[in-house]
Amino acid sequence: MSERNTVWLRPPWGEGEPKEVDATPYVLVPMMNAGWSQCAPPEPEVKEDVHD
């Protein structure tokens, strides 16, 4: 069974949300040429458990 390798990319000029993409040259090269850059994955949303 093969594991899917992905990376997180930040859009050019910081406009928009990071995107998780396949870590293959076919996907990465065009995006990086367009100005996308690798970044850390976004922090998971923390939902507080509120009780009355």
PDB file of N, CA and C in Angstrom:
ATOM      1  N   MET A   1       0.851  -1.182   0.000  1.00  0.00           N
ATOM      2  CA  MET A   1       0.000   0.000   0.000  1.00  0.00           C
ATOM      3  C   MET A   1       0.890   1.236   0.000  1.00  0.00           C
ATOM      4  N   SER A   2       0.657   2.158  -0.912  1.00  0.00           N
ATOM      5  CA  SER A   2       1.485   3.359  -0.978  1.00  0.00           C
ATOM      6  C   SER A   2       0.847   4.495  -0.186  1.00  0.00           C
ATOM      7  N   GLU A   3       1.713   5.254   0.441  1.00  0.00           N
ATOM      8  CA  GLU A   3       1.264   6.398   1.230  1.00  0.00           C
ATOM      9  C   GLU A   3       1.269   7.632   0.332  1.00  0.00           C
ATOM     10  N   ARG A   4       0.266   8.454   0.463  1.00  0.00           N
ATOM     11  CA  ARG A   4       0.166   9.680  -0.329  1.00  0.00           C
ATOM     12  C   ARG A   4       1.037  10.750   0.314  1.00  0.00           C
ATOM     13  N   ASN A   5       1.981  11.273  -0.447  1.00  0.00           N
ATOM     14  CA  ASN A   5       2.855  12.341   0.034  1.00  0.00           C
ATOM     15  C   ASN A   5       2.297  13.678  -0.412  1.00  0.00           C
ATOM     16  N   THR A   6       2.108  14.566   0.553  1.00  0.00           N
ATOM     17  CA  THR A   6       1.580  15.889   0.254  1.00  0.00           C
ATOM     18  C   THR A   6       2.422  16.955   0.944  1.00  0.00           C
ATOM     19  N   VAL A   7       2.288  18.175   0.478  1.00  0.00           N
ATOM     20  CA  VAL A   7       2.905  19.353   1.098  1.00  0.00           C
ATOM     21  C   VAL A   7       1.869  20.461   1.135  1.00  0.00           C
ATOM     22  N   TRP A   8       2.099  21.424   2.010  1.00  0.00           N
ATOM     23  CA  TRP A   8       1.228  22.600   2.100  1.00  0.00           C
ATOM     24  C   TRP A   8       1.912  23.759   1.399  1.00  0.00           C
ATOM     25  N   LEU A   9       1.158  24.458   0.569  1.00  0.00           N
ATOM     26  CA  LEU A   9       1.686  25.622  -0.147  1.00  0.00           C
ATOM     27  C   LEU A   9       0.885  26.868   0.201  1.00  0.00           C
ATOM     28  N   ARG A  10       1.616  27.987   0.336  1.00  0.00           N
ATOM     29  CA  ARG A  10       1.014  29.298   0.608  1.00  0.00           C
ATOM     30  C   ARG A  10       0.899  30.029  -0.722  1.00  0.00           C
ATOM     31  N   PRO A  11      -0.249  30.657  -0.992  1.00  0.00           N
ATOM     32  CA  PRO A  11      -0.416  31.356  -2.271  1.00  0.00           C
ATOM     33  C   PRO A  11       0.496  32.584  -2.375  1.00  0.00           C
ATOM     34  N   PRO A  12       0.718  33.043  -3.613  1.00  0.00           N
ATOM     35  CA  PRO A  12       1.566  34.220  -3.806  1.00  0.00           C
ATOM     36  C   PRO A  12       1.043  35.425  -3.041  1.00  0.00           C
ATOM     37  N   TRP A  13       1.965  36.199  -2.503  1.00  0.00           N
ATOM     38  CA  TRP A  13       1.663  37.442  -1.775  1.00  0.00           C
ATOM     39  C   TRP A  13       0.766  37.212  -0.561  1.00  0.00           C
ATOM     40  N   GLY A  14       0.656  35.992  -0.069  1.00  0.00           N
ATOM     41  CA  GLY A  14      -0.123  35.706   1.126  1.00  0.00           C
ATOM     42  C   GLY A  14      -1.613  35.910   0.976  1.00  0.00           C
ATOM     43  N   GLU A  15      -2.095  35.974  -0.259  1.00  0.00           N
ATOM     44  CA  GLU A  15      -3.519  36.196  -0.498  1.00  0.00           C
ATOM     45  C   GLU A  15      -4.222  34.857  -0.658  1.00  0.00           C
ATOM     46  N   GLY A  16      -5.081  34.524   0.291  1.00  0.00           N
ATOM     47  CA  GLY A  16      -5.817  33.273   0.214  1.00  0.00           C
ATOM     48  C   GLY A  16      -5.355  32.269   1.245  1.00  0.00           C
ATOM     49  N   GLU A  17      -5.953  31.120   1.209  1.00  0.00           N
ATOM     50  CA  GLU A  17      -5.687  30.069   2.178  1.00  0.00           C
ATOM     51  C   GLU A  17      -4.619  29.109   1.663  1.00  0.00           C
ATOM     52  N   PRO A  18      -3.799  28.546   2.578  1.00  0.00           N
ATOM     53  CA  PRO A  18      -2.854  27.516   2.159  1.00  0.00           C
ATOM     54  C   PRO A  18      -3.610  26.317   1.579  1.00  0.00           C
ATOM     55  N   LYS A  19      -2.930  25.569   0.726  1.00  0.00           N
ATOM     56  CA  LYS A  19      -3.547  24.442   0.049  1.00  0.00           C
ATOM     57  C   LYS A  19      -2.644  23.224   0.178  1.00  0.00           C
ATOM     58  N   GLU A  20      -3.237  22.066   0.473  1.00  0.00           N
ATOM     59  CA  GLU A  20      -2.492  20.817   0.522  1.00  0.00           C
ATOM     60  C   GLU A  20      -2.511  20.200  -0.875  1.00  0.00           C
ATOM     61  N   VAL A  21      -1.324  19.905  -1.414  1.00  0.00           N
ATOM     62  CA  VAL A  21      -1.219  19.362  -2.764  1.00  0.00           C
ATOM     63  C   VAL A  21      -0.316  18.137  -2.766  1.00  0.00           C
ATOM     64  N   ASP A  22      -0.437  17.324  -3.820  1.00  0.00           N
ATOM     65  CA  ASP A  22       0.439  16.174  -3.985  1.00  0.00           C
ATOM     66  C   ASP A  22       1.872  16.643  -4.167  1.00  0.00           C
ATOM     67  N   ALA A  23       2.805  15.940  -3.538  1.00  0.00           N
ATOM     68  CA  ALA A  23       4.218  16.299  -3.615  1.00  0.00           C
ATOM     69  C   ALA A  23       4.865  15.622  -4.822  1.00  0.00           C
ATOM     70  N   THR A  24       4.427  16.017  -6.007  1.00  0.00           N
ATOM     71  CA  THR A  24       4.998  15.494  -7.240  1.00  0.00           C
ATOM     72  C   THR A  24       5.453  16.666  -8.101  1.00  0.00           C
ATOM     73  N   PRO A  25       6.489  16.474  -8.899  1.00  0.00           N
ATOM     74  CA  PRO A  25       6.945  17.565  -9.766  1.00  0.00           C
ATOM     75  C   PRO A  25       5.843  18.068 -10.701  1.00  0.00           C
ATOM     76  N   TYR A  26       4.988  17.165 -11.155  1.00  0.00           N
ATOM     77  CA  TYR A  26       3.898  17.527 -12.068  1.00  0.00           C
ATOM     78  C   TYR A  26       2.988  18.589 -11.438  1.00  0.00           C
ATOM     79  N   VAL A  27       2.786  18.522 -10.126  1.00  0.00           N
ATOM     80  CA  VAL A  27       1.924  19.470  -9.417  1.00  0.00           C
ATOM     81  C   VAL A  27       2.731  20.667  -8.895  1.00  0.00           C
ATOM     82  N   LEU A  28       3.885  20.386  -8.283  1.00  0.00           N
ATOM     83  CA  LEU A  28       4.640  21.434  -7.596  1.00  0.00           C
ATOM     84  C   LEU A  28       5.305  22.455  -8.523  1.00  0.00           C
ATOM     85  N   VAL A  29       5.917  22.004  -9.610  1.00  0.00           N
ATOM     86  CA  VAL A  29       6.673  22.929 -10.460  1.00  0.00           C
ATOM     87  C   VAL A  29       5.806  24.067 -11.003  1.00  0.00           C
ATOM     88  N   PRO A  30       4.641  23.788 -11.601  1.00  0.00           N
ATOM     89  CA  PRO A  30       3.826  24.909 -12.090  1.00  0.00           C
ATOM     90  C   PRO A  30       3.377  25.862 -10.975  1.00  0.00           C
ATOM     91  N   MET A  31       3.028  25.297  -9.808  1.00  0.00           N
ATOM     92  CA  MET A  31       2.564  26.153  -8.707  1.00  0.00           C
ATOM     93  C   MET A  31       3.697  27.026  -8.180  1.00  0.00           C
ATOM     94  N   MET A  32       4.888  26.442  -8.012  1.00  0.00           N
ATOM     95  CA  MET A  32       6.011  27.229  -7.494  1.00  0.00           C
ATOM     96  C   MET A  32       6.467  28.271  -8.518  1.00  0.00           C
ATOM     97  N   ASN A  33       6.377  27.959  -9.790  1.00  0.00           N
ATOM     98  CA  ASN A  33       6.686  28.954 -10.820  1.00  0.00           C
ATOM     99  C   ASN A  33       5.684  30.103 -10.795  1.00  0.00           C
ATOM    100  N   ALA A  34       4.470  29.836 -10.356  1.00  0.00           N
ATOM    101  CA  ALA A  34       3.432  30.861 -10.275  1.00  0.00           C
ATOM    102  C   ALA A  34       3.522  31.667  -8.978  1.00  0.00           C
ATOM    103  N   GLY A  35       4.474  31.313  -8.085  1.00  0.00           N
ATOM    104  CA  GLY A  35       4.665  32.108  -6.874  1.00  0.00           C
ATOM    105  C   GLY A  35       4.254  31.443  -5.580  1.00  0.00           C
ATOM    106  N   TRP A  36       3.711  30.233  -5.638  1.00  0.00           N
ATOM    107  CA  TRP A  36       3.351  29.521  -4.413  1.00  0.00           C
ATOM    108  C   TRP A  36       4.630  29.084  -3.714  1.00  0.00           C
ATOM    109  N   SER A  37       4.587  28.994  -2.375  1.00  0.00           N
ATOM    110  CA  SER A  37       5.753  28.538  -1.614  1.00  0.00           C
ATOM    111  C   SER A  37       5.311  27.611  -0.497  1.00  0.00           C
ATOM    112  N   GLN A  38       6.219  26.726  -0.107  1.00  0.00           N
ATOM    113  CA  GLN A  38       5.889  25.737   0.916  1.00  0.00           C
ATOM    114  C   GLN A  38       5.728  26.415   2.265  1.00  0.00           C
ATOM    115  N   CYS A  39       4.795  25.909   3.065  1.00  0.00           N
ATOM    116  CA  CYS A  39       4.560  26.450   4.401  1.00  0.00           C
ATOM    117  C   CYS A  39       4.170  25.314   5.341  1.00  0.00           C
ATOM    118  N   ALA A  40       4.097  25.619   6.610  1.00  0.00           N
ATOM    119  CA  ALA A  40       3.657  24.642   7.603  1.00  0.00           C
ATOM    120  C   ALA A  40       2.158  24.425   7.458  1.00  0.00           C
ATOM    121  N   PRO A  41       1.675  23.242   7.834  1.00  0.00           N
ATOM    122  CA  PRO A  41       0.232  23.018   7.777  1.00  0.00           C
ATOM    123  C   PRO A  41      -0.494  23.953   8.740  1.00  0.00           C
ATOM    124  N   PRO A  42      -1.726  24.331   8.412  1.00  0.00           N
ATOM    125  CA  PRO A  42      -2.480  25.203   9.325  1.00  0.00           C
ATOM    126  C   PRO A  42      -2.790  24.476  10.631  1.00  0.00           C
ATOM    127  N   GLU A  43      -2.903  25.245  11.671  1.00  0.00           N
ATOM    128  CA  GLU A  43      -3.251  24.683  12.978  1.00  0.00           C
ATOM    129  C   GLU A  43      -4.686  24.170  12.946  1.00  0.00           C
ATOM    130  N   PRO A  44      -4.940  23.010  13.532  1.00  0.00           N
ATOM    131  CA  PRO A  44      -6.328  22.523  13.562  1.00  0.00           C
ATOM    132  C   PRO A  44      -7.195  23.428  14.427  1.00  0.00           C
ATOM    133  N   GLU A  45      -8.451  23.559  14.027  1.00  0.00           N
ATOM    134  CA  GLU A  45      -9.370  24.384  14.807  1.00  0.00           C
ATOM    135  C   GLU A  45      -9.664  23.694  16.131  1.00  0.00           C
ATOM    136  N   VAL A  46      -9.596  24.466  17.198  1.00  0.00           N
ATOM    137  CA  VAL A  46      -9.874  23.936  18.521  1.00  0.00           C
ATOM    138  C   VAL A  46     -11.273  24.347  18.908  1.00  0.00           C
ATOM    139  N   LYS A  47     -12.119  23.379  19.150  1.00  0.00           N
ATOM    140  CA  LYS A  47     -13.489  23.678  19.570  1.00  0.00           C
ATOM    141  C   LYS A  47     -13.582  23.484  21.074  1.00  0.00           C
ATOM    142  N   GLU A  48     -14.014  24.538  21.745  1.00  0.00           N
ATOM    143  CA  GLU A  48     -14.141  24.459  23.181  1.00  0.00           C
ATOM    144  C   GLU A  48     -15.429  23.745  23.550  1.00  0.00           C
ATOM    145  N   ASP A  49     -15.342  22.892  24.534  1.00  0.00           N
ATOM    146  CA  ASP A  49     -16.521  22.183  25.024  1.00  0.00           C
ATOM    147  C   ASP A  49     -17.114  23.012  26.153  1.00  0.00           C
ATOM    148  N   VAL A  50     -18.202  23.713  25.842  1.00  0.00           N
ATOM    149  CA  VAL A  50     -18.813  24.628  26.805  1.00  0.00           C
ATOM    150  C   VAL A  50     -20.067  23.976  27.406  1.00  0.00           C
ATOM    151  N   HIS A  51     -20.089  23.930  28.716  1.00  0.00           N
ATOM    152  CA  HIS A  51     -21.254  23.379  29.429  1.00  0.00           C
ATOM    153  C   HIS A  51     -21.887  24.478  30.260  1.00  0.00           C
ATOM    154  N   ASP A  52     -23.203  24.473  30.322  1.00  0.00           N
ATOM    155  CA  ASP A  52     -23.919  25.472  31.138  1.00  0.00           C
ATOM    156  C   ASP A  52     -23.937  25.071  32.589  1.00  0.00           C
TER     157      ASP A  52
END
